[in-house]
Protein backbone atom coordinates (compact mmCIF):
# COMPACT_ATOMS: atom_id res chain seq x y z
CA MET A 1 -0.09 63.51 -125.26
CA THR A 2 -2.01 60.45 -126.55
CA ARG A 3 -4.77 60.45 -129.02
CA LEU A 4 -7.34 60.08 -126.23
CA ASP A 5 -5.85 63.29 -124.50
CA ASP A 6 -6.10 65.20 -127.82
CA GLN A 7 -9.69 64.02 -128.30
CA ALA A 8 -10.61 65.00 -124.76
CA LYS A 9 -9.05 68.55 -125.36
CA ILE A 10 -11.05 68.98 -128.63
CA GLU A 11 -14.24 67.89 -126.73
CA ALA A 12 -13.50 70.33 -124.09
CA GLN A 13 -13.10 73.20 -126.60
CA ARG A 14 -16.45 72.12 -128.23
CA ALA A 15 -18.21 72.21 -124.91
CA GLU A 16 -16.64 75.72 -124.01
CA GLU A 17 -17.62 76.99 -127.54
CA ALA A 18 -21.14 75.59 -127.05
CA ARG A 19 -21.37 77.24 -123.59
CA LEU A 20 -20.27 80.62 -124.84
CA THR A 21 -22.42 80.59 -127.87
CA GLY A 22 -25.61 78.81 -126.65
CA GLY A 23 -25.33 76.74 -129.81
CA TYR A 24 -25.43 79.63 -132.19
CA LYS A 25 -22.85 79.72 -135.04
CA ASP A 26 -21.33 82.65 -136.77
CA ASN A 27 -23.12 83.58 -140.06
CA PRO A 28 -20.65 82.89 -142.85
CA ASN A 29 -22.77 85.19 -145.12
CA ALA A 30 -22.69 88.33 -142.86
CA ASP A 31 -20.17 90.11 -144.92
CA LYS A 32 -22.32 89.73 -148.05
CA VAL A 33 -25.31 91.50 -146.56
CA ALA A 34 -23.83 95.05 -147.63
CA ALA A 35 -23.66 94.22 -151.30
CA VAL A 36 -27.15 92.77 -151.28
CA VAL A 37 -28.55 95.90 -149.44
CA GLU A 38 -26.88 98.25 -151.89
CA GLU A 39 -28.59 96.33 -154.83
CA PHE A 40 -32.01 96.68 -153.09
CA LYS A 41 -31.35 100.42 -152.34
CA ALA A 42 -30.66 101.14 -155.94
CA VAL A 43 -34.04 99.31 -156.75
CA LEU A 44 -35.74 101.46 -154.25
CA ILE A 45 -34.22 104.59 -155.32
CA LYS A 46 -35.33 104.06 -158.78
CA ALA A 47 -38.83 103.29 -157.70
CA ASN A 48 -38.97 106.24 -155.41
CA PRO A 49 -41.54 105.10 -152.95
CA PRO A 50 -42.94 107.30 -150.27
CA ASN A 51 -40.63 107.58 -147.17
CA LEU A 52 -37.59 106.58 -149.40
CA LYS A 53 -35.19 108.18 -146.83
CA VAL A 54 -36.63 106.21 -143.97
CA GLN A 55 -36.51 102.94 -145.82
CA LEU A 56 -32.85 103.64 -146.88
CA HIS A 57 -31.87 104.44 -143.24
CA ARG A 58 -33.43 101.07 -142.11
CA LEU A 59 -31.51 99.32 -144.70
CA ASP A 60 -28.32 100.84 -143.43
CA ASP A 61 -29.27 99.69 -139.98
CA VAL A 62 -29.63 96.19 -141.33
CA VAL A 63 -26.01 96.39 -142.69
CA LYS A 64 -24.87 97.62 -139.43
CA LEU A 65 -26.44 94.80 -137.49
CA ALA A 66 -25.25 92.21 -139.85
CA ASN A 67 -21.68 93.40 -139.35
CA LEU A 68 -22.23 93.05 -135.62
CA ARG A 69 -23.91 89.69 -135.90
CA ASN A 70 -20.74 87.53 -135.54
CA THR A 71 -19.28 89.74 -132.85
CA LEU A 72 -22.30 89.11 -130.70
CA THR A 73 -22.25 85.29 -131.10
CA ARG A 74 -19.63 84.77 -128.38
CA ILE A 75 -20.90 87.32 -125.92
CA GLU A 76 -22.67 85.59 -122.94
CA LYS A 77 -24.75 88.32 -121.37
CA GLY A 78 -27.67 90.16 -123.12
CA SER A 79 -26.78 93.29 -121.34
CA VAL A 80 -23.32 93.32 -122.84
CA CYS A 81 -24.82 92.42 -126.36
CA SER A 82 -27.15 95.43 -126.04
CA GLU A 83 -24.30 97.82 -124.99
CA THR A 84 -22.20 96.68 -127.83
CA VAL A 85 -25.11 97.33 -130.36
CA LYS A 86 -25.76 100.65 -128.67
CA GLN A 87 -22.26 101.69 -128.98
CA ALA A 88 -22.51 100.88 -132.69
CA GLY A 89 -25.18 103.27 -133.05
CA SER A 90 -28.16 101.10 -132.71
CA LEU A 91 -30.62 100.79 -129.88
CA ILE A 92 -31.90 97.36 -128.43
CA HIS A 93 -32.64 96.00 -125.10
CA THR A 94 -31.92 92.34 -124.35
CA ASN A 95 -32.26 90.87 -120.83
CA ASP A 96 -29.56 88.58 -119.47
């Protein structure tokens, strides 16, 4: 392979990645969300606001969705994304 062939292969891979992701990139900080949410939950528990249990549950949902975030980047159809999120225990609807 020549250098031009290598470059053409790289460009084809980039084009395919752009097609699959629609230009979205993985969030490199997705794995840090859980730690930040745990810190925030500790503050909420200390403050003991009304509807604390609801707020804690919603924060758990944020962690769940953050964990799914990078999985969804390369799924082309909204219906498949919706099914993936639903199987993870959340409920959304996204049209194709």
